[in-house]
């Protein structure tokens, strides 16, 4: 079997459709994600971004079309895929310490307790929570809880990490810190990331590509390559003329989709 390259699609969506009764949400969404990419997905409110992510994760069966992960059609949550949800207060178990929360998905994967502990320590260090493993989620700020949720996703060493508006519930300063954190751990762990967000600035700043969805019934409006210099910087990157152009392009596409949806 040949070794996948950075150009190899690791995740493929083929004419993905999802309906609830007569209501069409997704209506033929098609795009690929290459290994190692950071792909941001944006679209108007109600365009089915979370529905799309759940289909990708095997948490929701599509009405038609398919999701293919590493050459296999997704019919259930894949072993090498992890999800970080928006609501960290519900994703972390309050009766377990942070270290135990992070360790939880490893218990059926790694039998050696010392190896599990070493992995937990590594990922907590990577997300800026060194020495915080004995705390409980309710003893931590929202930003720290979301760091713990990211650490749990990374601990499983997934090939693809799906993130569903993970920074929507934190304050602006914490959001900036978490954006830079996720870029850093993406490089450290060499993980492919699919990042669903409603924030245009965030999508352009983080992504190698931005997939812009239409309004429901949803298709792909445009798939935009983000050719901004790396590493990204919250000040310098956002001062670039190219950044402003990309932001304006994405904003215009979303506004147009909202306008057509209201007709």
C-alpha atoms as a PDB file:
ATOM      1  CA  UNK A   1       0.000   0.000   0.000  1.00  0.00           C
ATOM      2  CA  UNK A   2       1.429   3.383  -0.997  1.00  0.00           C
ATOM      3  CA  UNK A   3       2.035   6.092   1.601  1.00  0.00           C
ATOM      4  CA  UNK A   4      -0.447   8.975   1.290  1.00  0.00           C
ATOM      5  CA  UNK A   5       0.965  12.348   0.274  1.00  0.00           C
ATOM      6  CA  UNK A   6      -0.127  15.864   1.163  1.00  0.00           C
ATOM      7  CA  UNK A   7      -2.111  15.893  -2.106  1.00  0.00           C
ATOM      8  CA  UNK A   8      -4.011  12.698  -1.292  1.00  0.00           C
ATOM      9  CA  UNK A   9      -7.659  13.293  -0.295  1.00  0.00           C
ATOM     10  CA  UNK A  10      -8.082  11.960   3.213  1.00  0.00           C
ATOM     11  CA  UNK A  11     -11.758  12.939   3.417  1.00  0.00           C
ATOM     12  CA  UNK A  12     -14.129  13.065   0.426  1.00  0.00           C
ATOM     13  CA  UNK A  13     -17.709  14.298   0.266  1.00  0.00           C
ATOM     14  CA  UNK A  14     -19.663  13.111  -2.768  1.00  0.00           C
ATOM     15  CA  UNK A  15     -23.025  14.756  -3.538  1.00  0.00           C
ATOM     16  CA  UNK A  16     -23.935  14.700   0.134  1.00  0.00           C
ATOM     17  CA  UNK A  17     -27.620  15.287   0.830  1.00  0.00           C
ATOM     18  CA  UNK A  18     -29.618  15.494   4.043  1.00  0.00           C
ATOM     19  CA  UNK A  19     -33.317  16.120   4.465  1.00  0.00           C
ATOM     20  CA  UNK A  20     -35.679  16.125   7.417  1.00  0.00           C
ATOM     21  CA  UNK A  21     -39.026  15.191   5.947  1.00  0.00           C
ATOM     22  CA  UNK A  22     -39.761  17.728   3.208  1.00  0.00           C
ATOM     23  CA  UNK A  23     -37.082  20.134   4.422  1.00  0.00           C
ATOM     24  CA  UNK A  24     -33.870  19.883   2.376  1.00  0.00           C
ATOM     25  CA  UNK A  25     -30.799  20.933   4.352  1.00  0.00           C
ATOM     26  CA  UNK A  26     -27.872  19.640   2.287  1.00  0.00           C
ATOM     27  CA  UNK A  27     -28.439  19.318  -1.443  1.00  0.00           C
ATOM     28  CA  UNK A  28     -25.358  17.786  -3.046  1.00  0.00           C
ATOM     29  CA  UNK A  29     -22.312  19.011  -1.103  1.00  0.00           C
ATOM     30  CA  UNK A  30     -19.093  17.889  -2.790  1.00  0.00           C
ATOM     31  CA  UNK A  31     -15.485  18.670  -1.852  1.00  0.00           C
ATOM     32  CA  UNK A  32     -12.272  16.896  -0.843  1.00  0.00           C
ATOM     33  CA  UNK A  33      -9.861  17.520   2.009  1.00  0.00           C
ATOM     34  CA  UNK A  34      -6.218  16.666   1.505  1.00  0.00           C
ATOM     35  CA  UNK A  35      -4.004  15.186   4.176  1.00  0.00           C
ATOM     36  CA  UNK A  36      -2.469  17.856   6.385  1.00  0.00           C
ATOM     37  CA  UNK A  37      -4.855  20.633   5.342  1.00  0.00           C
ATOM     38  CA  UNK A  38      -6.658  23.083   7.599  1.00  0.00           C
ATOM     39  CA  UNK A  39     -10.042  23.612   5.915  1.00  0.00           C
ATOM     40  CA  UNK A  40     -12.571  26.088   7.275  1.00  0.00           C
ATOM     41  CA  UNK A  41     -16.270  25.739   6.408  1.00  0.00           C
ATOM     42  CA  UNK A  42     -18.464  28.852   6.532  1.00  0.00           C
ATOM     43  CA  UNK A  43     -21.966  29.713   5.402  1.00  0.00           C
ATOM     44  CA  UNK A  44     -25.093  31.668   6.287  1.00  0.00           C
ATOM     45  CA  UNK A  45     -26.953  30.880   9.484  1.00  0.00           C
ATOM     46  CA  UNK A  46     -29.149  27.847   8.876  1.00  0.00           C
ATOM     47  CA  UNK A  47     -27.039  26.512   6.009  1.00  0.00           C
ATOM     48  CA  UNK A  48     -26.472  23.193   7.759  1.00  0.00           C
ATOM     49  CA  UNK A  49     -22.827  23.556   8.822  1.00  0.00           C
ATOM     50  CA  UNK A  50     -23.273  21.438  11.941  1.00  0.00           C
ATOM     51  CA  UNK A  51     -25.401  18.914  10.047  1.00  0.00           C
ATOM     52  CA  UNK A  52     -22.596  18.627   7.491  1.00  0.00           C
ATOM     53  CA  UNK A  53     -19.990  18.068  10.197  1.00  0.00           C
ATOM     54  CA  UNK A  54     -22.110  15.391  11.889  1.00  0.00           C
ATOM     55  CA  UNK A  55     -22.414  13.559   8.561  1.00  0.00           C
ATOM     56  CA  UNK A  56     -18.653  13.787   8.111  1.00  0.00           C
ATOM     57  CA  UNK A  57     -18.127  12.386  11.612  1.00  0.00           C
ATOM     58  CA  UNK A  58     -20.485   9.443  11.086  1.00  0.00           C
ATOM     59  CA  UNK A  59     -22.823  10.784  13.774  1.00  0.00           C
ATOM     60  CA  UNK A  60     -25.632  11.406  11.294  1.00  0.00           C
ATOM     61  CA  UNK A  61     -26.550   9.329   8.252  1.00  0.00           C
ATOM     62  CA  UNK A  62     -26.932  11.313   5.020  1.00  0.00           C
ATOM     63  CA  UNK A  63     -30.116  10.970   3.004  1.00  0.00           C
ATOM     64  CA  UNK A  64     -28.032  10.444  -0.143  1.00  0.00           C
ATOM     65  CA  UNK A  65     -24.441  10.724  -1.295  1.00  0.00           C
ATOM     66  CA  UNK A  66     -21.437   9.594   0.709  1.00  0.00           C
ATOM     67  CA  UNK A  67     -18.561  10.535   2.969  1.00  0.00           C
ATOM     68  CA  UNK A  68     -15.331   8.619   2.330  1.00  0.00           C
ATOM     69  CA  UNK A  69     -12.566   8.667   4.944  1.00  0.00           C
ATOM     70  CA  UNK A  70      -9.197   7.134   4.113  1.00  0.00           C
ATOM     71  CA  UNK A  71     -10.776   5.154   1.299  1.00  0.00           C
ATOM     72  CA  UNK A  72     -13.679   3.748   3.336  1.00  0.00           C
ATOM     73  CA  UNK A  73     -17.277   4.957   3.280  1.00  0.00           C
ATOM     74  CA  UNK A  74     -18.290   6.449   6.631  1.00  0.00           C
ATOM     75  CA  UNK A  75     -21.259   4.641   8.175  1.00  0.00           C
ATOM     76  CA  UNK A  76     -20.297   5.146  11.828  1.00  0.00           C
ATOM     77  CA  UNK A  77     -17.767   7.300  13.725  1.00  0.00           C
ATOM     78  CA  UNK A  78     -14.321   6.359  12.349  1.00  0.00           C
ATOM     79  CA  UNK A  79     -11.644   5.279  14.804  1.00  0.00           C
ATOM     80  CA  UNK A  80      -9.103   7.789  13.467  1.00  0.00           C
ATOM     81  CA  UNK A  81     -11.370  10.821  13.614  1.00  0.00           C
ATOM     82  CA  UNK A  82     -12.086  13.055  16.622  1.00  0.00           C
ATOM     83  CA  UNK A  83     -14.611  15.850  17.162  1.00  0.00           C
ATOM     84  CA  UNK A  84     -14.398  19.008  19.292  1.00  0.00           C
ATOM     85  CA  UNK A  85     -17.843  20.511  19.864  1.00  0.00           C
ATOM     86  CA  UNK A  86     -18.863  24.094  20.566  1.00  0.00           C
ATOM     87  CA  UNK A  87     -20.412  23.380  23.969  1.00  0.00           C
ATOM     88  CA  UNK A  88     -17.387  22.434  26.071  1.00  0.00           C
ATOM     89  CA  UNK A  89     -19.529  22.507  29.237  1.00  0.00           C
ATOM     90  CA  UNK A  90     -21.373  19.431  27.985  1.00  0.00           C
ATOM     91  CA  UNK A  91     -18.504  17.635  26.257  1.00  0.00           C
ATOM     92  CA  UNK A  92     -16.391  17.383  29.426  1.00  0.00           C
ATOM     93  CA  UNK A  93     -17.619  15.101  32.228  1.00  0.00           C
ATOM     94  CA  UNK A  94     -17.844  17.279  35.375  1.00  0.00           C
ATOM     95  CA  UNK A  95     -17.248  14.387  37.801  1.00  0.00           C
ATOM     96  CA  UNK A  96     -13.884  13.537  36.207  1.00  0.00           C
ATOM     97  CA  UNK A  97     -10.679  15.525  36.525  1.00  0.00           C
ATOM     98  CA  UNK A  98      -9.254  17.185  33.424  1.00  0.00           C
ATOM     99  CA  UNK A  99      -6.613  14.449  33.133  1.00  0.00           C
ATOM    100  CA  UNK A 100      -9.274  11.735  33.386  1.00  0.00           C
ATOM    101  CA  UNK A 101     -11.421  13.490  30.761  1.00  0.00           C
ATOM    102  CA  UNK A 102      -8.465  13.598  28.380  1.00  0.00           C
ATOM    103  CA  UNK A 103      -7.563   9.980  29.130  1.00  0.00           C
ATOM    104  CA  UNK A 104     -11.104   8.685  28.590  1.00  0.00           C
ATOM    105  CA  UNK A 105     -10.910   7.918  24.831  1.00  0.00           C
ATOM    106  CA  UNK A 106      -7.533   6.224  25.334  1.00  0.00           C
ATOM    107  CA  UNK A 107      -8.749   3.555  27.726  1.00  0.00           C
ATOM    108  CA  UNK A 108      -9.885   1.179  24.988  1.00  0.00           C
ATOM    109  CA  UNK A 109      -6.974   2.069  22.714  1.00  0.00           C
ATOM    110  CA  UNK A 110      -3.896   2.020  24.970  1.00  0.00           C
ATOM    111  CA  UNK A 111      -3.706  -0.718  27.591  1.00  0.00           C
ATOM    112  CA  UNK A 112      -0.523   0.541  29.269  1.00  0.00           C
ATOM    113  CA  UNK A 113      -1.457   2.985  32.036  1.00  0.00           C
ATOM    114  CA  UNK A 114       1.951   4.699  32.062  1.00  0.00           C
ATOM    115  CA  UNK A 115       1.733   5.250  28.297  1.00  0.00           C
ATOM    116  CA  UNK A 116      -1.719   6.770  28.684  1.00  0.00           C
ATOM    117  CA  UNK A 117      -0.470   9.072  31.433  1.00  0.00           C
ATOM    118  CA  UNK A 118       2.473  10.198  29.278  1.00  0.00           C
ATOM    119  CA  UNK A 119       0.128  10.987  26.365  1.00  0.00           C
ATOM    120  CA  UNK A 120      -2.203  12.958  28.629  1.00  0.00           C
ATOM    121  CA  UNK A 121       0.710  14.960  30.023  1.00  0.00           C
ATOM    122  CA  UNK A 122       2.023  15.709  26.534  1.00  0.00           C
ATOM    123  CA  UNK A 123      -1.256  17.003  25.132  1.00  0.00           C
ATOM    124  CA  UNK A 124      -2.049  19.046  28.243  1.00  0.00           C
ATOM    125  CA  UNK A 125       1.368  20.668  27.924  1.00  0.00           C
ATOM    126  CA  UNK A 126       0.711  21.335  24.234  1.00  0.00           C
ATOM    127  CA  UNK A 127      -2.531  23.206  24.920  1.00  0.00           C
ATOM    128  CA  UNK A 128      -1.127  25.248  27.801  1.00  0.00           C
ATOM    129  CA  UNK A 129      -2.620  23.218  30.652  1.00  0.00           C
ATOM    130  CA  UNK A 130       0.580  21.839  32.171  1.00  0.00           C
ATOM    131  CA  UNK A 131      -0.007  21.052  35.836  1.00  0.00           C
ATOM    132  CA  UNK A 132      -3.791  21.485  35.538  1.00  0.00           C
ATOM    133  CA  UNK A 133      -4.724  17.814  35.165  1.00  0.00           C
ATOM    134  CA  UNK A 134      -6.030  17.433  38.715  1.00  0.00           C
ATOM    135  CA  UNK A 135      -8.553  20.253  38.320  1.00  0.00           C
ATOM    136  CA  UNK A 136     -12.191  19.540  37.508  1.00  0.00           C
ATOM    137  CA  UNK A 137     -13.919  21.252  34.555  1.00  0.00           C
ATOM    138  CA  UNK A 138     -16.090  23.352  36.867  1.00  0.00           C
ATOM    139  CA  UNK A 139     -12.936  24.792  38.445  1.00  0.00           C
ATOM    140  CA  UNK A 140     -11.718  26.161  35.104  1.00  0.00           C
ATOM    141  CA  UNK A 141     -12.594  29.103  32.866  1.00  0.00           C
ATOM    142  CA  UNK A 142     -14.414  28.533  29.584  1.00  0.00           C
ATOM    143  CA  UNK A 143     -11.191  28.964  27.627  1.00  0.00           C
ATOM    144  CA  UNK A 144      -9.399  26.407  29.782  1.00  0.00           C
ATOM    145  CA  UNK A 145     -12.266  23.946  29.397  1.00  0.00           C
ATOM    146  CA  UNK A 146     -12.103  24.255  25.616  1.00  0.00           C
ATOM    147  CA  UNK A 147      -8.332  23.712  25.762  1.00  0.00           C
ATOM    148  CA  UNK A 148      -9.049  20.517  27.686  1.00  0.00           C
ATOM    149  CA  UNK A 149     -11.576  19.441  25.029  1.00  0.00           C
ATOM    150  CA  UNK A 150      -8.967  20.052  22.313  1.00  0.00           C
ATOM    151  CA  UNK A 151      -6.409  18.084  24.331  1.00  0.00           C
ATOM    152  CA  UNK A 152      -8.808  15.149  24.548  1.00  0.00           C
ATOM    153  CA  UNK A 153      -9.241  15.194  20.775  1.00  0.00           C
ATOM    154  CA  UNK A 154      -5.476  15.304  20.231  1.00  0.00           C
ATOM    155  CA  UNK A 155      -4.789  12.553  22.790  1.00  0.00           C
ATOM    156  CA  UNK A 156      -6.567  10.083  20.551  1.00  0.00           C
ATOM    157  CA  UNK A 157      -4.013  10.955  17.841  1.00  0.00           C
ATOM    158  CA  UNK A 158      -6.645  11.321  15.114  1.00  0.00           C
ATOM    159  CA  UNK A 159      -5.823  11.595  11.434  1.00  0.00           C
ATOM    160  CA  UNK A 160      -8.635  14.161  11.137  1.00  0.00           C
ATOM    161  CA  UNK A 161      -9.881  16.524  13.825  1.00  0.00           C
ATOM    162  CA  UNK A 162     -13.351  17.994  13.224  1.00  0.00           C
ATOM    163  CA  UNK A 163     -14.135  21.207  15.113  1.00  0.00           C
ATOM    164  CA  UNK A 164     -17.681  22.601  15.304  1.00  0.00           C
ATOM    165  CA  UNK A 165     -17.538  26.348  16.071  1.00  0.00           C
ATOM    166  CA  UNK A 166     -15.264  25.532  19.027  1.00  0.00           C
ATOM    167  CA  UNK A 167     -14.516  29.148  20.005  1.00  0.00           C
ATOM    168  CA  UNK A 168     -17.996  30.648  19.626  1.00  0.00           C
ATOM    169  CA  UNK A 169     -18.745  30.629  23.350  1.00  0.00           C
ATOM    170  CA  UNK A 170     -15.543  32.297  24.629  1.00  0.00           C
ATOM    171  CA  UNK A 171     -14.597  35.968  24.877  1.00  0.00           C
ATOM    172  CA  UNK A 172     -12.716  37.770  22.106  1.00  0.00           C
ATOM    173  CA  UNK A 173      -9.273  37.670  23.751  1.00  0.00           C
ATOM    174  CA  UNK A 174      -9.568  33.968  24.592  1.00  0.00           C
ATOM    175  CA  UNK A 175     -10.721  33.309  21.043  1.00  0.00           C
ATOM    176  CA  UNK A 176      -7.554  34.893  19.644  1.00  0.00           C
ATOM    177  CA  UNK A 177      -5.415  32.777  21.966  1.00  0.00           C
ATOM    178  CA  UNK A 178      -7.261  29.583  21.006  1.00  0.00           C
ATOM    179  CA  UNK A 179      -6.948  30.345  17.278  1.00  0.00           C
ATOM    180  CA  UNK A 180      -3.173  30.549  17.592  1.00  0.00           C
ATOM    181  CA  UNK A 181      -3.190  27.481  19.820  1.00  0.00           C
ATOM    182  CA  UNK A 182      -4.990  25.338  17.254  1.00  0.00           C
ATOM    183  CA  UNK A 183      -2.582  26.439  14.505  1.00  0.00           C
ATOM    184  CA  UNK A 184       0.345  25.495  16.712  1.00  0.00           C
ATOM    185  CA  UNK A 185      -0.954  22.059  17.712  1.00  0.00           C
ATOM    186  CA  UNK A 186      -1.969  21.351  14.116  1.00  0.00           C
ATOM    187  CA  UNK A 187       1.701  21.667  13.140  1.00  0.00           C
ATOM    188  CA  UNK A 188       2.956  19.824  16.228  1.00  0.00           C
ATOM    189  CA  UNK A 189       0.665  16.826  15.758  1.00  0.00           C
ATOM    190  CA  UNK A 190       0.523  16.967  11.937  1.00  0.00           C
ATOM    191  CA  UNK A 191      -3.265  16.676  12.040  1.00  0.00           C
ATOM    192  CA  UNK A 192      -5.748  17.422   9.278  1.00  0.00           C
ATOM    193  CA  UNK A 193      -8.377  19.843  10.616  1.00  0.00           C
ATOM    194  CA  UNK A 194     -11.880  20.645   9.389  1.00  0.00           C
ATOM    195  CA  UNK A 195     -13.079  23.746  11.216  1.00  0.00           C
ATOM    196  CA  UNK A 196     -16.714  24.864  11.028  1.00  0.00           C
ATOM    197  CA  UNK A 197     -17.221  28.515  11.963  1.00  0.00           C
ATOM    198  CA  UNK A 198     -19.597  31.426  11.408  1.00  0.00           C
ATOM    199  CA  UNK A 199     -16.732  33.912  11.834  1.00  0.00           C
ATOM    200  CA  UNK A 200     -15.311  35.104   8.495  1.00  0.00           C
ATOM    201  CA  UNK A 201     -12.158  36.628  10.004  1.00  0.00           C
ATOM    202  CA  UNK A 202     -11.432  33.391  11.841  1.00  0.00           C
ATOM    203  CA  UNK A 203     -11.913  31.288   8.705  1.00  0.00           C
ATOM    204  CA  UNK A 204      -9.560  33.389   6.577  1.00  0.00           C
ATOM    205  CA  UNK A 205      -6.953  33.639   9.346  1.00  0.00           C
ATOM    206  CA  UNK A 206      -6.866  29.911  10.131  1.00  0.00           C
ATOM    207  CA  UNK A 207      -7.563  28.152   6.862  1.00  0.00           C
ATOM    208  CA  UNK A 208      -5.478  26.810   4.023  1.00  0.00           C
ATOM    209  CA  UNK A 209      -8.834  26.781   2.256  1.00  0.00           C
ATOM    210  CA  UNK A 210     -12.253  28.243   2.979  1.00  0.00           C
ATOM    211  CA  UNK A 211     -15.265  26.279   1.736  1.00  0.00           C
ATOM    212  CA  UNK A 212     -18.204  28.687   1.462  1.00  0.00           C
ATOM    213  CA  UNK A 213     -21.660  27.095   1.607  1.00  0.00           C
ATOM    214  CA  UNK A 214     -24.799  28.469   0.008  1.00  0.00           C
ATOM    215  CA  UNK A 215     -28.012  28.931   1.921  1.00  0.00           C
ATOM    216  CA  UNK A 216     -30.291  25.914   2.438  1.00  0.00           C
ATOM    217  CA  UNK A 217     -30.851  23.776   0.492  1.00  0.00           C
ATOM    218  CA  UNK A 218     -27.080  23.880   0.689  1.00  0.00           C
ATOM    219  CA  UNK A 219     -24.388  23.278  -1.889  1.00  0.00           C
ATOM    220  CA  UNK A 220     -20.783  24.495  -2.110  1.00  0.00           C
ATOM    221  CA  UNK A 221     -20.845  28.094  -3.290  1.00  0.00           C
ATOM    222  CA  UNK A 222     -17.081  28.433  -3.637  1.00  0.00           C
ATOM    223  CA  UNK A 223     -13.900  26.667  -2.541  1.00  0.00           C
ATOM    224  CA  UNK A 224     -11.228  29.315  -1.935  1.00  0.00           C
ATOM    225  CA  UNK A 225      -7.479  28.736  -1.576  1.00  0.00           C
ATOM    226  CA  UNK A 226      -5.962  30.949   1.143  1.00  0.00           C
ATOM    227  CA  UNK A 227      -2.439  31.784   0.007  1.00  0.00           C
ATOM    228  CA  UNK A 228      -1.412  33.878   3.001  1.00  0.00           C
ATOM    229  CA  UNK A 229       2.115  33.671   4.445  1.00  0.00           C
ATOM    230  CA  UNK A 230       2.797  31.255   7.301  1.00  0.00           C
ATOM    231  CA  UNK A 231       3.173  31.252  10.204  1.00  0.00           C
ATOM    232  CA  UNK A 232       0.110  33.430  10.675  1.00  0.00           C
ATOM    233  CA  UNK A 233       0.185  36.407  13.029  1.00  0.00           C
ATOM    234  CA  UNK A 234      -2.877  38.081  14.511  1.00  0.00           C
ATOM    235  CA  UNK A 235      -1.556  41.556  13.742  1.00  0.00           C
ATOM    236  CA  UNK A 236       0.648  41.221  10.677  1.00  0.00           C
ATOM    237  CA  UNK A 237      -1.521  38.735   8.773  1.00  0.00           C
ATOM    238  CA  UNK A 238      -4.665  40.827   9.252  1.00  0.00           C
ATOM    239  CA  UNK A 239      -2.910  43.943   7.955  1.00  0.00           C
ATOM    240  CA  UNK A 240      -2.167  42.289   4.613  1.00  0.00           C
ATOM    241  CA  UNK A 241      -4.037  43.510   1.545  1.00  0.00           C
ATOM    242  CA  UNK A 242      -4.524  39.872   0.501  1.00  0.00           C
ATOM    243  CA  UNK A 243      -6.220  39.117   3.831  1.00  0.00           C
ATOM    244  CA  UNK A 244      -8.643  42.007   3.344  1.00  0.00           C
ATOM    245  CA  UNK A 245      -9.449  40.851  -0.210  1.00  0.00           C
ATOM    246  CA  UNK A 246     -10.139  37.280   0.910  1.00  0.00           C
ATOM    247  CA  UNK A 247     -12.288  38.472   3.787  1.00  0.00           C
ATOM    248  CA  UNK A 248     -14.303  40.698   1.457  1.00  0.00           C
ATOM    249  CA  UNK A 249     -14.768  37.839  -1.013  1.00  0.00           C
ATOM    250  CA  UNK A 250     -16.067  35.448   1.653  1.00  0.00           C
ATOM    251  CA  UNK A 251     -18.283  38.149   3.180  1.00  0.00           C
ATOM    252  CA  UNK A 252     -19.779  38.959  -0.224  1.00  0.00           C
ATOM    253  CA  UNK A 253     -20.540  35.305  -0.950  1.00  0.00           C
ATOM    254  CA  UNK A 254     -22.310  34.843   2.394  1.00  0.00           C
ATOM    255  CA  UNK A 255     -24.313  38.045   2.016  1.00  0.00           C
ATOM    256  CA  UNK A 256     -25.352  36.989  -1.490  1.00  0.00           C
ATOM    257  CA  UNK A 257     -26.415  33.559  -0.214  1.00  0.00           C
ATOM    258  CA  UNK A 258     -28.466  35.169   2.563  1.00  0.00           C
ATOM    259  CA  UNK A 259     -30.137  37.484   0.043  1.00  0.00           C
ATOM    260  CA  UNK A 260     -31.089  34.627  -2.268  1.00  0.00           C
ATOM    261  CA  UNK A 261     -32.330  32.540   0.653  1.00  0.00           C
ATOM    262  CA  UNK A 262     -34.763  35.273   1.684  1.00  0.00           C
ATOM    263  CA  UNK A 263     -36.318  35.594  -1.783  1.00  0.00           C
END
